[in-house]
Amino acid sequence: MSHAEFVELHRAGSIHVHVDAAAAAKYLSRRLLLPLVMLPVLGTGIALALVGWLWTGFAVIGLATIAPLLIKRSAPHFIVTQALQDQRFYDDALEARLFEVKRVG
């Protein structure tokens, strides 16, 4: 199915898109380089806590811990939204088998 057909059928409500949530979370984590971003932010939070900015440090540590979880949880919605907007992303997501498209009725 071409990207233009996918967008047209999705807007018409003629298809159902089933996203593999686990695969989408892994794909998005790799694409956004979450581990490489999370580690320096955690280090910054620890450094802030050690130099006396205790609550600010704890807040940064909490942010570094919770943000990747929230990003991974919202991955299926992000995959569909991005696939509707960007043909290259749609092709990459199809190749990675992140979602299945089924026609309704």
C-alpha atoms as a PDB file:
ATOM      1  CA  MET A   1       0.000   0.000   0.000  1.00  0.00           C
ATOM      2  CA  SER A   2       1.419   3.375  -0.954  1.00  0.00           C
ATOM      3  CA  HIS A   3       1.763   6.218   1.523  1.00  0.00           C
ATOM      4  CA  ALA A   4      -0.854   8.345  -0.240  1.00  0.00           C
ATOM      5  CA  GLU A   5      -3.338   5.458  -0.163  1.00  0.00           C
ATOM      6  CA  PHE A   6      -2.545   4.825   3.505  1.00  0.00           C
ATOM      7  CA  VAL A   7      -3.222   8.458   4.424  1.00  0.00           C
ATOM      8  CA  GLU A   8      -6.415   8.602   2.369  1.00  0.00           C
ATOM      9  CA  LEU A   9      -7.827   5.361   3.794  1.00  0.00           C
ATOM     10  CA  HIS A  10      -6.873   6.307   7.359  1.00  0.00           C
ATOM     11  CA  ARG A  11      -8.624   9.665   7.088  1.00  0.00           C
ATOM     12  CA  ALA A  12     -11.692   7.940   5.648  1.00  0.00           C
ATOM     13  CA  GLY A  13     -11.664   5.437   8.518  1.00  0.00           C
ATOM     14  CA  SER A  14     -11.441   2.513   6.101  1.00  0.00           C
ATOM     15  CA  ILE A  15      -8.415   0.903   7.751  1.00  0.00           C
ATOM     16  CA  HIS A  16      -7.349  -0.152  11.217  1.00  0.00           C
ATOM     17  CA  VAL A  17      -3.683   0.270  12.129  1.00  0.00           C
ATOM     18  CA  HIS A  18      -2.355  -2.174  14.736  1.00  0.00           C
ATOM     19  CA  VAL A  19       1.011  -1.105  16.163  1.00  0.00           C
ATOM     20  CA  ASP A  20       3.291  -3.568  17.950  1.00  0.00           C
ATOM     21  CA  ALA A  21       3.858  -1.547  21.139  1.00  0.00           C
ATOM     22  CA  ALA A  22       7.054  -3.325  22.212  1.00  0.00           C
ATOM     23  CA  ALA A  23       8.662  -3.029  18.791  1.00  0.00           C
ATOM     24  CA  ALA A  24       7.581   0.610  18.521  1.00  0.00           C
ATOM     25  CA  ALA A  25       9.132   1.423  21.916  1.00  0.00           C
ATOM     26  CA  LYS A  26      12.434  -0.214  20.954  1.00  0.00           C
ATOM     27  CA  TYR A  27      12.452   1.491  17.551  1.00  0.00           C
ATOM     28  CA  LEU A  28      11.728   4.912  19.027  1.00  0.00           C
ATOM     29  CA  SER A  29      14.323   4.440  21.761  1.00  0.00           C
ATOM     30  CA  ARG A  30      16.971   3.635  19.149  1.00  0.00           C
ATOM     31  CA  ARG A  31      15.880   6.434  16.846  1.00  0.00           C
ATOM     32  CA  LEU A  32      15.941   9.080  19.609  1.00  0.00           C
ATOM     33  CA  LEU A  33      19.099   7.665  21.239  1.00  0.00           C
ATOM     34  CA  LEU A  34      17.355   7.661  24.626  1.00  0.00           C
ATOM     35  CA  PRO A  35      20.084   5.822  26.567  1.00  0.00           C
ATOM     36  CA  LEU A  36      22.717   8.281  25.328  1.00  0.00           C
ATOM     37  CA  VAL A  37      20.552  11.220  26.378  1.00  0.00           C
ATOM     38  CA  MET A  38      19.425   9.741  29.700  1.00  0.00           C
ATOM     39  CA  LEU A  39      22.907   9.035  31.095  1.00  0.00           C
ATOM     40  CA  PRO A  40      24.264  12.623  30.973  1.00  0.00           C
ATOM     41  CA  VAL A  41      21.007  13.958  32.411  1.00  0.00           C
ATOM     42  CA  LEU A  42      21.220  11.443  35.278  1.00  0.00           C
ATOM     43  CA  GLY A  43      24.825  12.485  35.862  1.00  0.00           C
ATOM     44  CA  THR A  44      23.813  16.125  35.960  1.00  0.00           C
ATOM     45  CA  GLY A  45      21.108  15.347  38.515  1.00  0.00           C
ATOM     46  CA  ILE A  46      23.541  13.444  40.708  1.00  0.00           C
ATOM     47  CA  ALA A  47      26.088  16.260  40.443  1.00  0.00           C
ATOM     48  CA  LEU A  48      23.459  18.839  41.429  1.00  0.00           C
ATOM     49  CA  ALA A  49      22.429  16.745  44.429  1.00  0.00           C
ATOM     50  CA  LEU A  50      26.070  16.333  45.529  1.00  0.00           C
ATOM     51  CA  VAL A  51      26.892  20.047  45.360  1.00  0.00           C
ATOM     52  CA  GLY A  52      23.954  20.996  47.543  1.00  0.00           C
ATOM     53  CA  TRP A  53      21.096  21.519  45.122  1.00  0.00           C
ATOM     54  CA  LEU A  54      19.401  18.466  46.572  1.00  0.00           C
ATOM     55  CA  TRP A  55      15.800  18.943  45.414  1.00  0.00           C
ATOM     56  CA  THR A  56      16.806  20.222  41.990  1.00  0.00           C
ATOM     57  CA  GLY A  57      19.083  17.224  41.594  1.00  0.00           C
ATOM     58  CA  PHE A  58      16.301  14.850  42.624  1.00  0.00           C
ATOM     59  CA  ALA A  59      13.939  16.528  40.145  1.00  0.00           C
ATOM     60  CA  VAL A  60      16.455  16.124  37.305  1.00  0.00           C
ATOM     61  CA  ILE A  61      17.038  12.470  38.260  1.00  0.00           C
ATOM     62  CA  GLY A  62      13.263  11.915  38.297  1.00  0.00           C
ATOM     63  CA  LEU A  63      12.916  13.581  34.910  1.00  0.00           C
ATOM     64  CA  ALA A  64      15.708  11.453  33.436  1.00  0.00           C
ATOM     65  CA  THR A  65      14.020   8.324  34.756  1.00  0.00           C
ATOM     66  CA  ILE A  66      10.400   9.080  33.868  1.00  0.00           C
ATOM     67  CA  ALA A  67      10.786  10.810  30.483  1.00  0.00           C
ATOM     68  CA  PRO A  68      12.046   7.725  28.584  1.00  0.00           C
ATOM     69  CA  LEU A  69       9.235   5.638  30.074  1.00  0.00           C
ATOM     70  CA  LEU A  70       6.632   8.154  28.922  1.00  0.00           C
ATOM     71  CA  ILE A  71       8.205   8.358  25.472  1.00  0.00           C
ATOM     72  CA  LYS A  72       8.161   4.575  25.119  1.00  0.00           C
ATOM     73  CA  ARG A  73       4.562   4.404  26.364  1.00  0.00           C
ATOM     74  CA  SER A  74       3.404   6.889  23.739  1.00  0.00           C
ATOM     75  CA  ALA A  75       5.418   5.226  20.959  1.00  0.00           C
ATOM     76  CA  PRO A  76       2.445   3.558  19.166  1.00  0.00           C
ATOM     77  CA  HIS A  77       0.616   6.867  18.806  1.00  0.00           C
ATOM     78  CA  PHE A  78       3.810   8.576  17.656  1.00  0.00           C
ATOM     79  CA  ILE A  79       4.453   5.865  15.046  1.00  0.00           C
ATOM     80  CA  VAL A  80       1.002   6.255  13.475  1.00  0.00           C
ATOM     81  CA  THR A  81       1.092  10.056  13.572  1.00  0.00           C
ATOM     82  CA  GLN A  82       4.553  10.233  12.050  1.00  0.00           C
ATOM     83  CA  ALA A  83       3.714   7.602   9.411  1.00  0.00           C
ATOM     84  CA  LEU A  84       0.730   9.687   8.311  1.00  0.00           C
ATOM     85  CA  GLN A  85       2.878  12.805   7.945  1.00  0.00           C
ATOM     86  CA  ASP A  86       6.138  11.489   6.475  1.00  0.00           C
ATOM     87  CA  GLN A  87       6.409   9.047   3.586  1.00  0.00           C
ATOM     88  CA  ARG A  88      10.021   8.110   4.365  1.00  0.00           C
ATOM     89  CA  PHE A  89       9.115   7.310   7.977  1.00  0.00           C
ATOM     90  CA  TYR A  90       6.134   5.292   6.725  1.00  0.00           C
ATOM     91  CA  ASP A  91       8.434   3.238   4.501  1.00  0.00           C
ATOM     92  CA  ASP A  92      10.919   2.707   7.353  1.00  0.00           C
ATOM     93  CA  ALA A  93       8.160   1.678   9.772  1.00  0.00           C
ATOM     94  CA  LEU A  94       6.723  -0.787   7.258  1.00  0.00           C
ATOM     95  CA  GLU A  95      10.156  -2.260   6.653  1.00  0.00           C
ATOM     96  CA  ALA A  96      10.691  -2.615  10.424  1.00  0.00           C
ATOM     97  CA  ARG A  97       7.229  -4.234  10.707  1.00  0.00           C
ATOM     98  CA  LEU A  98       6.108  -1.827  13.408  1.00  0.00           C
ATOM     99  CA  PHE A  99       2.473  -1.923  12.372  1.00  0.00           C
ATOM    100  CA  GLU A 100      -0.094  -3.863  10.397  1.00  0.00           C
ATOM    101  CA  VAL A 101      -2.820  -2.300   8.300  1.00  0.00           C
ATOM    102  CA  LYS A 102      -6.183  -4.045   8.037  1.00  0.00           C
ATOM    103  CA  ARG A 103      -9.113  -2.852   6.000  1.00  0.00           C
ATOM    104  CA  VAL A 104     -12.354  -2.340   7.908  1.00  0.00           C
ATOM    105  CA  GLY A 105     -15.478  -3.939   6.522  1.00  0.00           C
END
